[in-house]
Amino acid sequence: MVILMQNSFEKHLWINLNYFAALPTECPTYSGPHSIDCLKTVWGSVGCLPAGDEYPDKLSSSAAATLSSMIYVDLLAAMQAIKSDADAGTDAAQLKCFGTIL
């Protein structure tokens, strides 16, 4: 399902409705900060691999802190975007997500 949000009220409403979505055990808070285990769980849930160049354990401390501070839906969306780019077939995106070029 695609949800188009035309204004900030719709985005706020969508985020609030998704606030009640079940979070992985490793991600006990919606708003963060999220642990490295949470980041790794979300990474795997979108279909990226630990071999990926942007696997949370491989990130710089500032990049990991940026992800850690996101609200859960934004964290999930950021990692889904990496996976979507990898699925589109660009070499750089596949390295980020899978650690290899398919």
N, C-alpha and C. Protein backbone atom coordinates (compact mmCIF):
# COMPACT_ATOMS: atom_id res chain seq x y z
N MET A 1 0.84 -1.16 0.00
CA MET A 1 0.00 0.00 0.00
C MET A 1 0.90 1.23 0.00
N VAL A 2 0.56 2.20 -0.82
CA VAL A 2 1.28 3.46 -0.89
C VAL A 2 0.41 4.53 -0.25
N ILE A 3 0.99 5.28 0.65
CA ILE A 3 0.26 6.37 1.30
C ILE A 3 0.90 7.67 0.86
N LEU A 4 0.14 8.50 0.19
CA LEU A 4 0.64 9.81 -0.21
C LEU A 4 0.21 10.82 0.84
N MET A 5 1.17 11.54 1.36
CA MET A 5 0.88 12.53 2.39
C MET A 5 1.03 13.90 1.76
N GLN A 6 -0.04 14.65 1.71
CA GLN A 6 -0.03 15.92 1.02
C GLN A 6 0.32 17.09 1.92
N ASN A 7 0.26 16.90 3.20
CA ASN A 7 0.59 18.00 4.09
C ASN A 7 1.15 17.46 5.41
N SER A 8 1.63 18.35 6.24
CA SER A 8 2.28 17.90 7.48
C SER A 8 1.28 17.26 8.43
N PHE A 9 0.02 17.66 8.41
CA PHE A 9 -0.97 17.03 9.27
C PHE A 9 -1.12 15.56 8.91
N GLU A 10 -1.20 15.25 7.61
CA GLU A 10 -1.35 13.86 7.18
C GLU A 10 -0.12 13.05 7.58
N LYS A 11 1.07 13.63 7.45
CA LYS A 11 2.28 12.92 7.85
C LYS A 11 2.27 12.68 9.35
N HIS A 12 1.89 13.68 10.12
CA HIS A 12 1.83 13.54 11.58
C HIS A 12 0.83 12.46 11.96
N LEU A 13 -0.33 12.45 11.32
CA LEU A 13 -1.35 11.44 11.61
C LEU A 13 -0.82 10.05 11.27
N TRP A 14 -0.18 9.91 10.10
CA TRP A 14 0.36 8.60 9.69
C TRP A 14 1.40 8.12 10.68
N ILE A 15 2.28 9.00 11.11
CA ILE A 15 3.31 8.61 12.08
C ILE A 15 2.66 8.20 13.39
N ASN A 16 1.67 8.94 13.86
CA ASN A 16 1.02 8.60 15.12
C ASN A 16 0.30 7.26 15.03
N LEU A 17 -0.34 6.98 13.91
CA LEU A 17 -1.01 5.69 13.75
C LEU A 17 0.00 4.56 13.75
N ASN A 18 1.17 4.79 13.16
CA ASN A 18 2.19 3.76 13.10
C ASN A 18 3.00 3.65 14.39
N TYR A 19 2.81 4.60 15.28
CA TYR A 19 3.48 4.56 16.57
C TYR A 19 3.10 3.27 17.31
N PHE A 20 1.91 2.81 17.08
CA PHE A 20 1.41 1.65 17.80
C PHE A 20 1.74 0.33 17.10
N ALA A 21 2.49 0.40 16.02
CA ALA A 21 2.91 -0.82 15.33
C ALA A 21 3.85 -1.60 16.26
N ALA A 22 3.81 -2.90 16.14
CA ALA A 22 4.68 -3.74 16.97
C ALA A 22 6.14 -3.50 16.59
N LEU A 23 6.94 -3.27 17.57
CA LEU A 23 8.37 -3.06 17.36
C LEU A 23 9.11 -4.37 17.63
N PRO A 24 10.23 -4.57 16.95
CA PRO A 24 11.04 -5.76 17.27
C PRO A 24 11.49 -5.70 18.74
N THR A 25 11.70 -6.84 19.32
CA THR A 25 12.13 -6.92 20.72
C THR A 25 13.40 -6.10 20.95
N GLU A 26 14.27 -6.07 19.97
CA GLU A 26 15.54 -5.35 20.11
C GLU A 26 15.36 -3.84 20.02
N CYS A 27 14.18 -3.39 19.66
CA CYS A 27 13.89 -1.96 19.50
C CYS A 27 12.74 -1.57 20.44
N PRO A 28 13.02 -1.44 21.73
CA PRO A 28 11.93 -1.24 22.69
C PRO A 28 11.30 0.15 22.67
N THR A 29 11.94 1.12 22.02
CA THR A 29 11.36 2.46 21.99
C THR A 29 11.12 2.90 20.55
N TYR A 30 10.07 3.65 20.36
CA TYR A 30 9.73 4.16 19.05
C TYR A 30 10.65 5.30 18.65
N SER A 31 10.99 6.13 19.62
CA SER A 31 11.69 7.37 19.29
C SER A 31 13.21 7.28 19.40
N GLY A 32 13.74 6.19 19.89
CA GLY A 32 15.19 6.09 20.03
C GLY A 32 15.65 6.79 21.29
N PRO A 33 16.91 6.82 21.59
CA PRO A 33 17.94 6.24 20.72
C PRO A 33 17.83 4.72 20.68
N HIS A 34 18.17 4.18 19.52
CA HIS A 34 18.10 2.74 19.30
C HIS A 34 19.48 2.12 19.49
N SER A 35 19.50 0.92 20.02
CA SER A 35 20.77 0.21 20.24
C SER A 35 21.30 -0.31 18.91
N ILE A 36 22.56 -0.70 18.91
CA ILE A 36 23.16 -1.30 17.72
C ILE A 36 22.44 -2.60 17.37
N ASP A 37 21.98 -3.33 18.38
CA ASP A 37 21.22 -4.56 18.12
C ASP A 37 19.90 -4.25 17.40
N CYS A 38 19.27 -3.16 17.75
CA CYS A 38 18.06 -2.74 17.06
C CYS A 38 18.38 -2.43 15.60
N LEU A 39 19.43 -1.66 15.37
CA LEU A 39 19.81 -1.30 14.00
C LEU A 39 20.09 -2.55 13.17
N LYS A 40 20.79 -3.51 13.76
CA LYS A 40 21.10 -4.75 13.05
C LYS A 40 19.84 -5.56 12.76
N THR A 41 18.90 -5.56 13.68
CA THR A 41 17.64 -6.28 13.48
C THR A 41 16.85 -5.67 12.33
N VAL A 42 16.76 -4.36 12.31
CA VAL A 42 16.03 -3.69 11.23
C VAL A 42 16.74 -3.92 9.90
N TRP A 43 18.06 -3.85 9.90
CA TRP A 43 18.86 -4.11 8.69
C TRP A 43 18.51 -5.48 8.10
N GLY A 44 18.50 -6.48 8.95
CA GLY A 44 18.17 -7.83 8.48
C GLY A 44 16.71 -7.97 8.07
N SER A 45 15.83 -7.25 8.74
CA SER A 45 14.40 -7.37 8.45
C SER A 45 14.05 -6.84 7.06
N VAL A 46 14.84 -5.90 6.55
CA VAL A 46 14.57 -5.36 5.22
C VAL A 46 15.19 -6.22 4.12
N GLY A 47 16.05 -7.17 4.52
CA GLY A 47 16.64 -8.07 3.54
C GLY A 47 18.09 -7.79 3.19
N CYS A 48 18.72 -6.87 3.89
CA CYS A 48 20.14 -6.63 3.67
C CYS A 48 20.95 -7.61 4.53
N LEU A 49 22.20 -7.80 4.16
CA LEU A 49 23.04 -8.82 4.79
C LEU A 49 24.13 -8.21 5.67
N PRO A 50 24.61 -8.97 6.66
CA PRO A 50 25.72 -8.48 7.49
C PRO A 50 26.97 -8.16 6.67
N ALA A 51 27.12 -8.76 5.51
CA ALA A 51 28.28 -8.47 4.65
C ALA A 51 28.17 -7.10 3.99
N GLY A 52 26.99 -6.49 4.03
CA GLY A 52 26.80 -5.18 3.39
C GLY A 52 27.71 -4.11 3.96
N ASP A 53 28.16 -3.24 3.09
CA ASP A 53 29.08 -2.17 3.50
C ASP A 53 28.48 -1.21 4.51
N GLU A 54 27.15 -1.10 4.56
CA GLU A 54 26.50 -0.19 5.51
C GLU A 54 25.81 -0.94 6.65
N TYR A 55 26.24 -2.18 6.87
CA TYR A 55 25.76 -2.94 8.04
C TYR A 55 26.08 -2.11 9.28
N PRO A 56 25.16 -2.00 10.23
CA PRO A 56 25.36 -1.10 11.36
C PRO A 56 26.70 -1.23 12.09
N ASP A 57 27.23 -2.44 12.23
CA ASP A 57 28.54 -2.59 12.90
C ASP A 57 29.68 -1.95 12.10
N LYS A 58 29.47 -1.71 10.82
CA LYS A 58 30.53 -1.18 9.96
C LYS A 58 30.45 0.34 9.79
N LEU A 59 29.42 0.96 10.33
CA LEU A 59 29.23 2.40 10.17
C LEU A 59 30.16 3.19 11.07
N SER A 60 30.46 4.41 10.64
CA SER A 60 31.19 5.33 11.52
C SER A 60 30.31 5.63 12.72
N SER A 61 30.91 6.11 13.77
CA SER A 61 30.11 6.41 14.97
C SER A 61 29.08 7.49 14.69
N SER A 62 29.41 8.45 13.85
CA SER A 62 28.44 9.51 13.55
C SER A 62 27.28 8.99 12.69
N ALA A 63 27.56 8.11 11.74
CA ALA A 63 26.50 7.54 10.92
C ALA A 63 25.59 6.65 11.76
N ALA A 64 26.17 5.88 12.65
CA ALA A 64 25.37 5.03 13.54
C ALA A 64 24.53 5.88 14.48
N ALA A 65 25.09 6.97 14.96
CA ALA A 65 24.35 7.86 15.86
C ALA A 65 23.17 8.51 15.14
N THR A 66 23.36 8.84 13.88
CA THR A 66 22.27 9.43 13.09
C THR A 66 21.11 8.45 12.98
N LEU A 67 21.42 7.20 12.63
CA LEU A 67 20.36 6.19 12.53
C LEU A 67 19.73 5.92 13.89
N SER A 68 20.55 5.84 14.91
CA SER A 68 20.08 5.55 16.26
C SER A 68 19.09 6.59 16.76
N SER A 69 19.26 7.83 16.34
CA SER A 69 18.41 8.91 16.84
C SER A 69 17.10 9.06 16.08
N MET A 70 16.92 8.33 14.99
CA MET A 70 15.69 8.43 14.19
C MET A 70 14.51 7.79 14.92
N ILE A 71 13.31 8.29 14.60
CA ILE A 71 12.13 7.57 15.06
C ILE A 71 12.08 6.26 14.26
N TYR A 72 11.43 5.27 14.81
CA TYR A 72 11.48 3.93 14.23
C TYR A 72 11.05 3.89 12.77
N VAL A 73 9.94 4.57 12.42
CA VAL A 73 9.47 4.49 11.04
C VAL A 73 10.46 5.12 10.07
N ASP A 74 11.18 6.16 10.51
CA ASP A 74 12.19 6.76 9.64
C ASP A 74 13.41 5.85 9.51
N LEU A 75 13.78 5.19 10.59
CA LEU A 75 14.88 4.22 10.55
C LEU A 75 14.54 3.10 9.58
N LEU A 76 13.36 2.56 9.70
CA LEU A 76 12.91 1.49 8.82
C LEU A 76 12.90 1.97 7.37
N ALA A 77 12.37 3.15 7.13
CA ALA A 77 12.31 3.70 5.76
C ALA A 77 13.70 3.90 5.17
N ALA A 78 14.64 4.37 5.98
CA ALA A 78 16.01 4.58 5.50
C ALA A 78 16.65 3.27 5.07
N MET A 79 16.43 2.23 5.86
CA MET A 79 17.01 0.94 5.51
C MET A 79 16.27 0.28 4.35
N GLN A 80 14.97 0.50 4.27
CA GLN A 80 14.21 -0.02 3.12
C GLN A 80 14.67 0.65 1.83
N ALA A 81 15.04 1.92 1.91
CA ALA A 81 15.53 2.64 0.72
C ALA A 81 16.85 2.04 0.24
N ILE A 82 17.73 1.67 1.16
CA ILE A 82 18.99 1.03 0.80
C ILE A 82 18.70 -0.29 0.07
N LYS A 83 17.77 -1.07 0.62
CA LYS A 83 17.41 -2.35 0.00
C LYS A 83 16.77 -2.14 -1.37
N SER A 84 15.89 -1.17 -1.49
CA SER A 84 15.24 -0.88 -2.78
C SER A 84 16.25 -0.49 -3.83
N ASP A 85 17.22 0.35 -3.44
CA ASP A 85 18.29 0.74 -4.38
C ASP A 85 19.10 -0.48 -4.80
N ALA A 86 19.37 -1.36 -3.86
CA ALA A 86 20.13 -2.58 -4.18
C ALA A 86 19.33 -3.47 -5.13
N ASP A 87 18.05 -3.56 -4.90
CA ASP A 87 17.20 -4.36 -5.78
C ASP A 87 17.11 -3.78 -7.19
N ALA A 88 17.32 -2.46 -7.30
CA ALA A 88 17.28 -1.80 -8.61
C ALA A 88 18.52 -2.15 -9.43
N GLY A 89 19.54 -2.67 -8.77
CA GLY A 89 20.66 -3.24 -9.49
C GLY A 89 21.92 -2.43 -9.64
N THR A 90 22.02 -1.26 -9.00
CA THR A 90 23.28 -0.52 -9.13
C THR A 90 24.35 -1.19 -8.28
N ASP A 91 25.57 -1.24 -8.80
CA ASP A 91 26.66 -1.91 -8.10
C ASP A 91 26.91 -1.32 -6.72
N ALA A 92 26.97 0.00 -6.64
CA ALA A 92 27.25 0.65 -5.36
C ALA A 92 26.17 0.33 -4.33
N ALA A 93 24.91 0.33 -4.76
CA ALA A 93 23.81 0.04 -3.84
C ALA A 93 23.84 -1.41 -3.39
N GLN A 94 24.19 -2.32 -4.28
CA GLN A 94 24.28 -3.73 -3.91
C GLN A 94 25.41 -3.95 -2.91
N LEU A 95 26.51 -3.24 -3.07
CA LEU A 95 27.60 -3.36 -2.10
C LEU A 95 27.16 -2.86 -0.73
N LYS A 96 26.41 -1.76 -0.70
CA LYS A 96 25.92 -1.23 0.58
C LYS A 96 25.05 -2.25 1.31
N CYS A 97 24.17 -2.91 0.58
CA CYS A 97 23.17 -3.78 1.20
C CYS A 97 23.67 -5.22 1.35
N PHE A 98 24.31 -5.76 0.31
CA PHE A 98 24.67 -7.18 0.29
C PHE A 98 26.16 -7.46 0.49
N GLY A 99 27.00 -6.45 0.25
CA GLY A 99 28.43 -6.65 0.37
C GLY A 99 29.04 -7.29 -0.85
N THR A 100 28.24 -7.47 -1.89
CA THR A 100 28.72 -8.07 -3.15
C THR A 100 27.84 -7.55 -4.28
N ILE A 101 28.33 -7.67 -5.48
CA ILE A 101 27.56 -7.28 -6.66
C ILE A 101 26.92 -8.54 -7.21
N LEU A 102 25.62 -8.49 -7.35
CA LEU A 102 24.88 -9.66 -7.83
C LEU A 102 24.76 -9.67 -9.32
